[in-house]
Amino acid sequence: MAGRISIPCPACNEPLPISDDYFVRHFEGKPAACGKCGAQLDWWTTASHDIEAGYVFARESGTSADESWKSMADAFESYSHQRYPSMIVPANAAVESGLSGLLSRHLPSLVSKRRADDFPDAAASYAHRLNVLLPMIAHYNGIPQLPPDVHVALGKLRVLRNDLAQGGVASSTLDARAAAELLCGALFGVQYLRYVEGRL
């Protein structure tokens, strides 16, 4: 994914090659800067606006068996065709499957280091995994927490996914900007899980 496309600097329009470093800097609360004009970039806002403008961030990364990236590609495909409700399930699934994989690989060893009752069952709901287990793992390992903007977007995405599953129609009111924010949340969520995995 990283480095295959560029997006324009919002200040000077200089092409900025996308790299994983932008995501890492966002997670660590460090500003990124345009190499030409030096403008400080709010990577979350820049990415969200550029998704809305039609830049495609989701590229297959690693092996084709990576379910998270397959789901992200499906979500971006739906977004590009303005099928915003159809984007919700794969965007949510990208983060949910990535989180499940992370917990299945690392939770057993973490439980063995601490009292088992400090860690709820790994089979907990997605909301519990996202809101309790992931922050706990990050905290115990000195890893920055999921940024609030990403967490809020993932929460909205989860609610809409649940609404769709129950036959709701709230997602039909999504416009391009709101959908771009949700898709950006999923993209940053998947990248955050990769970041956590690399720190464990």
N, C-alpha and C. Protein backbone atom coordinates (compact mmCIF):
# COMPACT_ATOMS: atom_id res chain seq x y z
N MET A 1 0.81 -1.19 0.00
CA MET A 1 0.00 0.00 0.00
C MET A 1 0.85 1.25 0.00
N ALA A 2 1.81 1.33 0.94
CA ALA A 2 2.56 2.55 1.13
C ALA A 2 3.39 2.88 -0.09
N GLY A 3 3.42 4.19 -0.44
CA GLY A 3 4.30 4.67 -1.47
C GLY A 3 3.80 4.49 -2.89
N ARG A 4 2.66 3.87 -3.10
CA ARG A 4 2.20 3.61 -4.45
C ARG A 4 1.48 4.80 -5.07
N ILE A 5 0.94 5.65 -4.24
CA ILE A 5 0.26 6.83 -4.76
C ILE A 5 0.67 8.05 -3.95
N SER A 6 0.36 9.22 -4.48
CA SER A 6 0.64 10.46 -3.79
C SER A 6 -0.66 11.23 -3.63
N ILE A 7 -0.67 12.12 -2.64
CA ILE A 7 -1.78 13.04 -2.48
C ILE A 7 -1.21 14.44 -2.44
N PRO A 8 -1.99 15.45 -2.79
CA PRO A 8 -1.45 16.81 -2.81
C PRO A 8 -1.39 17.43 -1.42
N CYS A 9 -0.32 18.16 -1.16
CA CYS A 9 -0.23 18.94 0.06
C CYS A 9 -1.37 19.94 0.06
N PRO A 10 -2.15 20.04 1.14
CA PRO A 10 -3.28 20.98 1.15
C PRO A 10 -2.85 22.44 1.09
N ALA A 11 -1.56 22.71 1.37
CA ALA A 11 -1.09 24.10 1.34
C ALA A 11 -0.49 24.51 0.00
N CYS A 12 0.31 23.61 -0.62
CA CYS A 12 1.01 24.00 -1.85
C CYS A 12 0.78 23.06 -3.03
N ASN A 13 0.00 22.00 -2.82
CA ASN A 13 -0.30 21.01 -3.85
C ASN A 13 0.88 20.15 -4.28
N GLU A 14 1.98 20.21 -3.54
CA GLU A 14 3.11 19.33 -3.83
C GLU A 14 2.67 17.88 -3.61
N PRO A 15 2.96 16.97 -4.57
CA PRO A 15 2.59 15.56 -4.36
C PRO A 15 3.33 14.98 -3.16
N LEU A 16 2.59 14.36 -2.27
CA LEU A 16 3.17 13.74 -1.08
C LEU A 16 3.01 12.22 -1.18
N PRO A 17 4.08 11.50 -1.44
CA PRO A 17 3.96 10.03 -1.50
C PRO A 17 3.48 9.48 -0.16
N ILE A 18 2.49 8.65 -0.20
CA ILE A 18 1.93 8.08 1.03
C ILE A 18 2.88 7.02 1.56
N SER A 19 3.17 7.10 2.84
CA SER A 19 4.01 6.08 3.48
C SER A 19 3.41 5.75 4.83
N ASP A 20 3.79 4.59 5.34
CA ASP A 20 3.30 4.18 6.65
C ASP A 20 3.72 5.16 7.73
N ASP A 21 4.80 5.91 7.48
CA ASP A 21 5.29 6.87 8.46
C ASP A 21 4.24 7.91 8.82
N TYR A 22 3.39 8.31 7.84
CA TYR A 22 2.35 9.29 8.14
C TYR A 22 1.39 8.75 9.19
N PHE A 23 1.04 7.49 9.06
CA PHE A 23 0.13 6.88 10.03
C PHE A 23 0.80 6.77 11.39
N VAL A 24 2.05 6.30 11.41
CA VAL A 24 2.77 6.13 12.67
C VAL A 24 2.89 7.47 13.39
N ARG A 25 3.22 8.53 12.66
CA ARG A 25 3.36 9.84 13.27
C ARG A 25 2.02 10.29 13.86
N HIS A 26 0.93 9.99 13.17
CA HIS A 26 -0.39 10.36 13.70
C HIS A 26 -0.66 9.61 15.00
N PHE A 27 -0.37 8.31 15.02
CA PHE A 27 -0.61 7.52 16.22
C PHE A 27 0.24 7.99 17.39
N GLU A 28 1.42 8.48 17.10
CA GLU A 28 2.33 8.91 18.16
C GLU A 28 2.21 10.40 18.47
N GLY A 29 1.24 11.07 17.83
CA GLY A 29 1.00 12.48 18.12
C GLY A 29 2.09 13.41 17.60
N LYS A 30 2.80 12.98 16.57
CA LYS A 30 3.87 13.78 15.99
C LYS A 30 3.38 14.39 14.67
N PRO A 31 3.63 15.67 14.44
CA PRO A 31 3.18 16.27 13.19
C PRO A 31 4.01 15.79 12.00
N ALA A 32 3.38 15.77 10.85
CA ALA A 32 4.09 15.52 9.60
C ALA A 32 4.15 16.83 8.85
N ALA A 33 5.17 16.99 8.04
CA ALA A 33 5.33 18.25 7.33
C ALA A 33 5.55 18.01 5.85
N CYS A 34 5.07 18.93 5.04
CA CYS A 34 5.31 18.88 3.59
C CYS A 34 6.79 19.14 3.35
N GLY A 35 7.40 18.32 2.50
CA GLY A 35 8.81 18.49 2.21
C GLY A 35 9.13 19.73 1.40
N LYS A 36 8.12 20.29 0.73
CA LYS A 36 8.37 21.48 -0.10
C LYS A 36 8.11 22.78 0.65
N CYS A 37 6.90 22.91 1.21
CA CYS A 37 6.54 24.18 1.84
C CYS A 37 6.66 24.16 3.35
N GLY A 38 6.84 22.96 3.93
CA GLY A 38 6.99 22.86 5.37
C GLY A 38 5.69 22.92 6.15
N ALA A 39 4.56 22.97 5.46
CA ALA A 39 3.27 23.05 6.15
C ALA A 39 3.06 21.83 7.03
N GLN A 40 2.56 22.07 8.25
CA GLN A 40 2.24 20.98 9.16
C GLN A 40 0.96 20.30 8.69
N LEU A 41 0.98 18.99 8.60
CA LEU A 41 -0.15 18.25 8.07
C LEU A 41 -0.91 17.56 9.19
N ASP A 42 -2.20 17.78 9.24
CA ASP A 42 -3.07 16.97 10.07
C ASP A 42 -3.44 15.77 9.21
N TRP A 43 -2.75 14.66 9.44
CA TRP A 43 -2.88 13.53 8.52
C TRP A 43 -4.30 12.97 8.49
N TRP A 44 -4.99 12.99 9.62
CA TRP A 44 -6.37 12.51 9.65
C TRP A 44 -7.25 13.36 8.74
N THR A 45 -7.19 14.67 8.91
CA THR A 45 -8.02 15.57 8.11
C THR A 45 -7.65 15.50 6.63
N THR A 46 -6.35 15.47 6.36
CA THR A 46 -5.88 15.39 4.98
C THR A 46 -6.38 14.12 4.31
N ALA A 47 -6.23 12.98 4.99
CA ALA A 47 -6.65 11.71 4.43
C ALA A 47 -8.15 11.66 4.20
N SER A 48 -8.92 12.15 5.17
CA SER A 48 -10.38 12.15 5.05
C SER A 48 -10.84 12.99 3.86
N HIS A 49 -10.25 14.18 3.72
CA HIS A 49 -10.62 15.05 2.59
C HIS A 49 -10.22 14.43 1.26
N ASP A 50 -9.07 13.77 1.23
CA ASP A 50 -8.61 13.19 -0.03
C ASP A 50 -9.39 11.94 -0.41
N ILE A 51 -9.88 11.21 0.57
CA ILE A 51 -10.79 10.09 0.26
C ILE A 51 -12.04 10.65 -0.39
N GLU A 52 -12.58 11.73 0.20
CA GLU A 52 -13.78 12.35 -0.37
C GLU A 52 -13.52 12.88 -1.78
N ALA A 53 -12.30 13.35 -2.03
CA ALA A 53 -11.94 13.89 -3.34
C ALA A 53 -11.67 12.81 -4.38
N GLY A 54 -11.65 11.56 -3.94
CA GLY A 54 -11.52 10.48 -4.90
C GLY A 54 -10.18 9.79 -4.95
N TYR A 55 -9.27 10.12 -4.04
CA TYR A 55 -8.00 9.41 -4.01
C TYR A 55 -8.22 8.05 -3.38
N VAL A 56 -7.63 7.03 -3.99
CA VAL A 56 -7.83 5.67 -3.51
C VAL A 56 -6.63 5.26 -2.67
N PHE A 57 -6.86 5.01 -1.38
CA PHE A 57 -5.79 4.63 -0.48
C PHE A 57 -5.64 3.12 -0.38
N ALA A 58 -6.73 2.40 -0.54
CA ALA A 58 -6.69 0.96 -0.28
C ALA A 58 -6.04 0.23 -1.43
N ARG A 59 -4.85 -0.24 -1.20
CA ARG A 59 -4.15 -1.06 -2.16
C ARG A 59 -3.81 -2.37 -1.47
N GLU A 60 -3.81 -3.44 -2.23
CA GLU A 60 -3.52 -4.72 -1.60
C GLU A 60 -2.11 -4.71 -1.04
N SER A 61 -1.98 -5.08 0.20
CA SER A 61 -0.69 -5.05 0.87
C SER A 61 -0.36 -6.44 1.40
N GLY A 62 0.87 -6.91 1.18
CA GLY A 62 1.23 -8.23 1.67
C GLY A 62 0.58 -9.29 0.83
N THR A 63 0.14 -10.35 1.49
CA THR A 63 -0.43 -11.46 0.75
C THR A 63 -1.90 -11.24 0.46
N SER A 64 -2.38 -11.92 -0.57
CA SER A 64 -3.79 -11.78 -0.94
C SER A 64 -4.70 -12.40 0.10
N ALA A 65 -4.11 -13.14 1.05
CA ALA A 65 -4.91 -13.78 2.10
C ALA A 65 -5.23 -12.82 3.25
N ASP A 66 -4.73 -11.61 3.18
CA ASP A 66 -4.98 -10.65 4.25
C ASP A 66 -6.42 -10.17 4.16
N GLU A 67 -7.25 -10.68 5.05
CA GLU A 67 -8.68 -10.38 4.99
C GLU A 67 -8.98 -8.90 5.23
N SER A 68 -8.18 -8.26 6.09
CA SER A 68 -8.42 -6.85 6.35
C SER A 68 -8.28 -6.01 5.08
N TRP A 69 -7.21 -6.27 4.31
CA TRP A 69 -7.00 -5.47 3.10
C TRP A 69 -8.00 -5.82 2.01
N LYS A 70 -8.42 -7.08 1.95
CA LYS A 70 -9.47 -7.45 1.00
C LYS A 70 -10.75 -6.67 1.31
N SER A 71 -11.09 -6.62 2.59
CA SER A 71 -12.30 -5.90 3.00
C SER A 71 -12.16 -4.41 2.73
N MET A 72 -10.98 -3.84 3.00
CA MET A 72 -10.77 -2.42 2.72
C MET A 72 -10.93 -2.13 1.23
N ALA A 73 -10.38 -3.01 0.39
CA ALA A 73 -10.52 -2.82 -1.06
C ALA A 73 -11.98 -2.83 -1.46
N ASP A 74 -12.77 -3.74 -0.87
CA ASP A 74 -14.21 -3.79 -1.16
C ASP A 74 -14.90 -2.50 -0.71
N ALA A 75 -14.51 -2.01 0.46
CA ALA A 75 -15.12 -0.78 0.98
C ALA A 75 -14.80 0.41 0.09
N PHE A 76 -13.55 0.54 -0.34
CA PHE A 76 -13.19 1.64 -1.23
C PHE A 76 -13.87 1.52 -2.57
N GLU A 77 -14.05 0.30 -3.03
CA GLU A 77 -14.77 0.10 -4.30
C GLU A 77 -16.21 0.60 -4.19
N SER A 78 -16.88 0.25 -3.10
CA SER A 78 -18.25 0.73 -2.89
C SER A 78 -18.28 2.24 -2.78
N TYR A 79 -17.32 2.81 -2.06
CA TYR A 79 -17.28 4.27 -1.92
C TYR A 79 -17.09 4.94 -3.27
N SER A 80 -16.20 4.40 -4.09
CA SER A 80 -15.91 5.02 -5.38
C SER A 80 -17.13 5.05 -6.29
N HIS A 81 -18.06 4.12 -6.06
CA HIS A 81 -19.30 4.07 -6.85
C HIS A 81 -20.47 4.71 -6.11
N GLN A 82 -20.16 5.45 -5.05
CA GLN A 82 -21.15 6.17 -4.25
C GLN A 82 -22.20 5.25 -3.64
N ARG A 83 -21.81 4.00 -3.39
CA ARG A 83 -22.69 3.04 -2.71
C ARG A 83 -22.30 3.03 -1.23
N TYR A 84 -22.61 4.12 -0.57
CA TYR A 84 -22.12 4.32 0.80
C TYR A 84 -22.63 3.28 1.79
N PRO A 85 -23.92 2.91 1.76
CA PRO A 85 -24.36 1.86 2.68
C PRO A 85 -23.63 0.53 2.45
N SER A 86 -23.29 0.23 1.18
CA SER A 86 -22.59 -1.01 0.88
C SER A 86 -21.15 -1.00 1.38
N MET A 87 -20.65 0.16 1.69
CA MET A 87 -19.29 0.31 2.19
C MET A 87 -19.18 -0.07 3.66
N ILE A 88 -20.28 0.03 4.39
CA ILE A 88 -20.25 -0.08 5.85
C ILE A 88 -19.77 -1.45 6.33
N VAL A 89 -20.34 -2.51 5.79
CA VAL A 89 -20.00 -3.85 6.29
C VAL A 89 -18.53 -4.21 6.02
N PRO A 90 -18.03 -4.05 4.78
CA PRO A 90 -16.62 -4.40 4.58
C PRO A 90 -15.65 -3.49 5.33
N ALA A 91 -15.97 -2.21 5.47
CA ALA A 91 -15.09 -1.30 6.21
C ALA A 91 -15.01 -1.73 7.67
N ASN A 92 -16.14 -2.07 8.26
CA ASN A 92 -16.16 -2.53 9.64
C ASN A 92 -15.45 -3.87 9.76
N ALA A 93 -15.71 -4.76 8.79
CA ALA A 93 -15.10 -6.10 8.83
C ALA A 93 -13.58 -6.03 8.75
N ALA A 94 -13.05 -5.03 8.03
CA ALA A 94 -11.60 -4.90 7.91
C ALA A 94 -10.96 -4.73 9.27
N VAL A 95 -11.56 -3.88 10.10
CA VAL A 95 -11.00 -3.63 11.43
C VAL A 95 -11.32 -4.79 12.36
N GLU A 96 -12.53 -5.29 12.29
CA GLU A 96 -12.93 -6.38 13.19
C GLU A 96 -12.08 -7.63 12.97
N SER A 97 -11.84 -7.99 11.71
CA SER A 97 -11.03 -9.18 11.45
C SER A 97 -9.57 -8.95 11.86
N GLY A 98 -9.07 -7.74 11.61
CA GLY A 98 -7.70 -7.44 12.02
C GLY A 98 -7.53 -7.49 13.53
N LEU A 99 -8.52 -6.98 14.25
CA LEU A 99 -8.47 -6.99 15.70
C LEU A 99 -8.58 -8.41 16.25
N SER A 100 -9.45 -9.21 15.64
CA SER A 100 -9.58 -10.61 16.09
C SER A 100 -8.26 -11.35 15.92
N GLY A 101 -7.60 -11.12 14.77
CA GLY A 101 -6.32 -11.78 14.53
C GLY A 101 -5.26 -11.35 15.53
N LEU A 102 -5.21 -10.05 15.79
CA LEU A 102 -4.24 -9.52 16.75
C LEU A 102 -4.43 -10.14 18.13
N LEU A 103 -5.69 -10.18 18.58
CA LEU A 103 -5.97 -10.73 19.91
C LEU A 103 -5.69 -12.23 19.97
N SER A 104 -6.03 -12.96 18.92
CA SER A 104 -5.79 -14.41 18.94
C SER A 104 -4.30 -14.72 18.98
N ARG A 105 -3.49 -13.85 18.38
CA ARG A 105 -2.05 -14.08 18.37
C ARG A 105 -1.37 -13.65 19.67
N HIS A 106 -1.89 -12.61 20.33
CA HIS A 106 -1.15 -12.04 21.45
C HIS A 106 -1.82 -12.13 22.81
N LEU A 107 -3.14 -12.28 22.86
CA LEU A 107 -3.80 -12.29 24.16
C LEU A 107 -3.37 -13.46 25.04
N PRO A 108 -3.20 -14.68 24.48
CA PRO A 108 -2.79 -15.78 25.37
C PRO A 108 -1.48 -15.52 26.10
N SER A 109 -0.49 -14.96 25.41
CA SER A 109 0.79 -14.70 26.08
C SER A 109 0.67 -13.58 27.10
N LEU A 110 -0.22 -12.61 26.83
CA LEU A 110 -0.42 -11.53 27.78
C LEU A 110 -1.12 -12.05 29.04
N VAL A 111 -2.08 -12.94 28.86
CA VAL A 111 -2.78 -13.51 30.00
C VAL A 111 -1.83 -14.31 30.87
N SER A 112 -0.88 -14.99 30.23
CA SER A 112 0.05 -15.81 31.01
C SER A 112 0.98 -14.95 31.86
N LYS A 113 1.13 -13.69 31.49
CA LYS A 113 2.01 -12.80 32.25
C LYS A 113 1.28 -12.14 33.42
N ARG A 114 -0.02 -12.09 33.37
CA ARG A 114 -0.80 -11.40 34.39
C ARG A 114 -1.93 -12.31 34.86
N ARG A 115 -2.62 -11.88 35.85
CA ARG A 115 -3.75 -12.69 36.34
C ARG A 115 -4.78 -12.85 35.23
N ALA A 116 -5.24 -14.04 35.02
CA ALA A 116 -6.17 -14.32 33.94
C ALA A 116 -7.44 -13.49 34.04
N ASP A 117 -7.89 -13.22 35.29
CA ASP A 117 -9.15 -12.48 35.42
C ASP A 117 -8.99 -10.99 35.12
N ASP A 118 -7.75 -10.54 34.85
CA ASP A 118 -7.55 -9.16 34.42
C ASP A 118 -7.96 -8.98 32.95
N PHE A 119 -8.03 -10.10 32.23
CA PHE A 119 -8.36 -10.06 30.81
C PHE A 119 -9.65 -10.79 30.55
N PRO A 120 -10.69 -10.09 30.10
CA PRO A 120 -11.93 -10.79 29.76
C PRO A 120 -11.70 -11.77 28.63
N ASP A 121 -12.65 -12.65 28.45
CA ASP A 121 -12.57 -13.68 27.42
C ASP A 121 -12.33 -13.05 26.05
N ALA A 122 -11.41 -13.66 25.30
CA ALA A 122 -11.09 -13.15 23.95
C ALA A 122 -12.27 -13.27 23.01
N ALA A 123 -13.28 -14.04 23.39
CA ALA A 123 -14.45 -14.19 22.53
C ALA A 123 -15.47 -13.08 22.77
N ALA A 124 -15.07 -12.03 23.47
CA ALA A 124 -15.98 -10.92 23.76
C ALA A 124 -16.43 -10.26 22.47
N SER A 125 -17.44 -9.40 22.60
CA SER A 125 -17.97 -8.70 21.43
C SER A 125 -16.91 -7.79 20.82
N TYR A 126 -17.14 -7.42 19.56
CA TYR A 126 -16.22 -6.51 18.88
C TYR A 126 -16.09 -5.20 19.64
N ALA A 127 -17.21 -4.68 20.15
CA ALA A 127 -17.16 -3.42 20.90
C ALA A 127 -16.26 -3.57 22.12
N HIS A 128 -16.37 -4.69 22.82
CA HIS A 128 -15.55 -4.92 24.01
C HIS A 128 -14.08 -5.06 23.62
N ARG A 129 -13.81 -5.75 22.55
CA ARG A 129 -12.43 -5.90 22.09
C ARG A 129 -11.82 -4.55 21.73
N LEU A 130 -12.61 -3.72 21.03
CA LEU A 130 -12.13 -2.42 20.58
C LEU A 130 -11.99 -1.43 21.73
N ASN A 131 -12.95 -1.43 22.63
CA ASN A 131 -13.00 -0.41 23.68
C ASN A 131 -12.31 -0.79 24.98
N VAL A 132 -12.07 -2.10 25.19
CA VAL A 132 -11.46 -2.55 26.45
C VAL A 132 -10.15 -3.31 26.21
N LEU A 133 -10.22 -4.39 25.43
CA LEU A 133 -9.03 -5.23 25.28
C LEU A 133 -7.90 -4.53 24.54
N LEU A 134 -8.21 -3.87 23.42
CA LEU A 134 -7.15 -3.21 22.65
C LEU A 134 -6.48 -2.09 23.46
N PRO A 135 -7.26 -1.21 24.12
CA PRO A 135 -6.60 -0.19 24.96
C PRO A 135 -5.77 -0.80 26.09
N MET A 136 -6.25 -1.93 26.65
CA MET A 136 -5.52 -2.57 27.73
C MET A 136 -4.17 -3.10 27.24
N ILE A 137 -4.19 -3.74 26.07
CA ILE A 137 -2.94 -4.25 25.50
C ILE A 137 -1.98 -3.11 25.20
N ALA A 138 -2.51 -2.02 24.63
CA ALA A 138 -1.66 -0.86 24.33
C ALA A 138 -1.06 -0.29 25.62
N HIS A 139 -1.89 -0.16 26.64
CA HIS A 139 -1.44 0.41 27.91
C HIS A 139 -0.33 -0.43 28.54
N TYR A 140 -0.55 -1.74 28.63
CA TYR A 140 0.42 -2.62 29.28
C TYR A 140 1.75 -2.69 28.52
N ASN A 141 1.73 -2.33 27.24
CA ASN A 141 2.95 -2.43 26.42
C ASN A 141 3.53 -1.07 26.04
N GLY A 142 3.02 0.00 26.66
CA GLY A 142 3.57 1.32 26.39
C GLY A 142 3.34 1.81 24.98
N ILE A 143 2.23 1.40 24.38
CA ILE A 143 1.90 1.78 23.01
C ILE A 143 0.85 2.89 23.06
N PRO A 144 1.00 3.94 22.25
CA PRO A 144 -0.02 4.99 22.23
C PRO A 144 -1.41 4.43 21.95
N GLN A 145 -2.40 5.02 22.59
CA GLN A 145 -3.78 4.59 22.40
C GLN A 145 -4.28 4.98 21.02
N LEU A 146 -5.31 4.30 20.57
CA LEU A 146 -5.96 4.65 19.31
C LEU A 146 -6.41 6.10 19.40
N PRO A 147 -6.03 6.95 18.43
CA PRO A 147 -6.39 8.37 18.50
C PRO A 147 -7.90 8.57 18.57
N PRO A 148 -8.35 9.59 19.30
CA PRO A 148 -9.79 9.82 19.48
C PRO A 148 -10.56 9.95 18.17
N ASP A 149 -9.99 10.64 17.16
CA ASP A 149 -10.72 10.80 15.90
C ASP A 149 -10.98 9.46 15.23
N VAL A 150 -10.00 8.56 15.29
CA VAL A 150 -10.17 7.23 14.71
C VAL A 150 -11.19 6.43 15.53
N HIS A 151 -11.07 6.51 16.84
CA HIS A 151 -11.97 5.76 17.72
C HIS A 151 -13.43 6.18 17.51
N VAL A 152 -13.66 7.48 17.39
CA VAL A 152 -15.03 7.98 17.17
C VAL A 152 -15.58 7.46 15.84
N ALA A 153 -14.76 7.53 14.79
CA ALA A 153 -15.22 7.05 13.48
C ALA A 153 -15.53 5.56 13.51
N LEU A 154 -14.69 4.78 14.19
CA LEU A 154 -14.94 3.34 14.28
C LEU A 154 -16.20 3.05 15.09
N GLY A 155 -16.46 3.87 16.10
CA GLY A 155 -17.70 3.70 16.87
C GLY A 155 -18.92 3.96 16.02
N LYS A 156 -18.88 5.02 15.22
CA LYS A 156 -19.99 5.32 14.31
C LYS A 156 -20.18 4.20 13.29
N LEU A 157 -19.07 3.70 12.77
CA LEU A 157 -19.13 2.63 11.78
C LEU A 157 -19.76 1.38 12.37
N ARG A 158 -19.39 1.06 13.61
CA ARG A 158 -19.95 -0.12 14.27
C ARG A 158 -21.45 0.02 14.48
N VAL A 159 -21.89 1.22 14.91
CA VAL A 159 -23.32 1.46 15.12
C VAL A 159 -24.09 1.29 13.81
N LEU A 160 -23.56 1.83 12.73
CA LEU A 160 -24.23 1.71 11.43
C LEU A 160 -24.24 0.26 10.95
N ARG A 161 -23.15 -0.46 11.21
CA ARG A 161 -23.12 -1.88 10.84
C ARG A 161 -24.21 -2.65 11.58
N ASN A 162 -24.35 -2.35 12.88
CA ASN A 162 -25.39 -3.01 13.67
C ASN A 162 -26.78 -2.62 13.18
N ASP A 163 -26.93 -1.36 12.81
CA ASP A 163 -28.20 -0.87 12.29
C ASP A 163 -28.59 -1.61 11.01
N LEU A 164 -27.61 -1.79 10.13
CA LEU A 164 -27.86 -2.53 8.90
C LEU A 164 -28.24 -3.98 9.19
N ALA A 165 -27.53 -4.59 10.13
CA ALA A 165 -27.78 -5.99 10.47
C ALA A 165 -29.19 -6.19 11.01
N GLN A 166 -29.74 -5.13 11.62
CA GLN A 166 -31.09 -5.22 12.18
C GLN A 166 -32.14 -4.66 11.23
N GLY A 167 -31.74 -4.43 9.99
CA GLY A 167 -32.69 -3.96 9.00
C GLY A 167 -32.95 -2.47 9.03
N GLY A 168 -32.07 -1.72 9.73
CA GLY A 168 -32.24 -0.27 9.82
C GLY A 168 -31.91 0.43 8.51
N VAL A 169 -32.28 1.69 8.43
CA VAL A 169 -32.06 2.46 7.20
C VAL A 169 -31.26 3.74 7.47
N ALA A 170 -30.74 3.90 8.68
CA ALA A 170 -30.03 5.13 9.01
C ALA A 170 -28.85 5.37 8.07
N SER A 171 -28.21 4.28 7.62
CA SER A 171 -27.04 4.42 6.78
C SER A 171 -27.37 5.00 5.41
N SER A 172 -28.64 4.96 5.02
CA SER A 172 -29.01 5.48 3.71
C SER A 172 -28.88 7.00 3.65
N THR A 173 -28.73 7.65 4.79
CA THR A 173 -28.60 9.11 4.80
C THR A 173 -27.15 9.56 4.69
N LEU A 174 -26.21 8.63 4.58
CA LEU A 174 -24.80 8.99 4.47
C LEU A 174 -24.54 9.80 3.21
N ASP A 175 -23.77 10.88 3.37
CA ASP A 175 -23.33 11.60 2.19
C ASP A 175 -21.84 11.32 2.00
N ALA A 176 -21.24 11.90 0.96
CA ALA A 176 -19.85 11.60 0.62
C ALA A 176 -18.90 11.95 1.75
N ARG A 177 -19.13 13.08 2.41
CA ARG A 177 -18.22 13.51 3.46
C ARG A 177 -18.30 12.59 4.68
N ALA A 178 -19.51 12.28 5.11
CA ALA A 178 -19.68 11.41 6.28
C ALA A 178 -19.12 10.02 5.99
N ALA A 179 -19.38 9.52 4.79
CA ALA A 179 -18.88 8.20 4.42
C ALA A 179 -17.36 8.19 4.34
N ALA A 180 -16.77 9.29 3.85
CA ALA A 180 -15.31 9.38 3.77
C ALA A 180 -14.68 9.33 5.15
N GLU A 181 -15.33 9.97 6.12
CA GLU A 181 -14.81 9.94 7.49
C GLU A 181 -14.84 8.53 8.05
N LEU A 182 -15.91 7.81 7.78
CA LEU A 182 -16.01 6.43 8.26
C LEU A 182 -14.97 5.54 7.59
N LEU A 183 -14.79 5.73 6.30
CA LEU A 183 -13.81 4.93 5.56
C LEU A 183 -12.40 5.26 6.03
N CYS A 184 -12.17 6.52 6.30
CA CYS A 184 -10.88 6.95 6.85
C CYS A 184 -10.65 6.29 8.21
N GLY A 185 -11.70 6.21 9.02
CA GLY A 185 -11.59 5.55 10.31
C GLY A 185 -11.18 4.09 10.18
N ALA A 186 -11.79 3.40 9.21
CA ALA A 186 -11.43 2.00 8.99
C ALA A 186 -9.99 1.87 8.52
N LEU A 187 -9.58 2.74 7.60
CA LEU A 187 -8.20 2.70 7.10
C LEU A 187 -7.19 2.93 8.23
N PHE A 188 -7.44 3.96 9.04
CA PHE A 188 -6.55 4.24 10.16
C PHE A 188 -6.62 3.13 11.20
N GLY A 189 -7.81 2.54 11.37
CA GLY A 189 -7.94 1.43 12.32
C GLY A 189 -7.10 0.24 11.92
N VAL A 190 -7.14 -0.12 10.64
CA VAL A 190 -6.34 -1.24 10.15
C VAL A 190 -4.85 -0.92 10.30
N GLN A 191 -4.49 0.32 9.96
CA GLN A 191 -3.08 0.70 10.10
C GLN A 191 -2.64 0.70 11.57
N TYR A 192 -3.54 1.12 12.47
CA TYR A 192 -3.20 1.12 13.89
C TYR A 192 -2.94 -0.30 14.38
N LEU A 193 -3.75 -1.25 13.93
CA LEU A 193 -3.55 -2.64 14.34
C LEU A 193 -2.20 -3.16 13.85
N ARG A 194 -1.81 -2.77 12.65
CA ARG A 194 -0.48 -3.13 12.15
C ARG A 194 0.60 -2.50 13.01
N TYR A 195 0.37 -1.27 13.41
CA TYR A 195 1.33 -0.55 14.26
C TYR A 195 1.48 -1.24 15.61
N VAL A 196 0.35 -1.62 16.22
CA VAL A 196 0.39 -2.32 17.51
C VAL A 196 1.11 -3.65 17.36
N GLU A 197 0.77 -4.38 16.30
CA GLU A 197 1.40 -5.68 16.06
C GLU A 197 2.92 -5.53 15.98
N GLY A 198 3.37 -4.48 15.32
CA GLY A 198 4.80 -4.28 15.19
C GLY A 198 5.50 -3.90 16.48
N ARG A 199 4.73 -3.41 17.45
CA ARG A 199 5.30 -2.98 18.75
C ARG A 199 5.25 -4.10 19.79
N LEU A 200 4.49 -5.13 19.53
CA LEU A 200 4.35 -6.20 20.53
C LEU A 200 5.50 -7.21 20.43
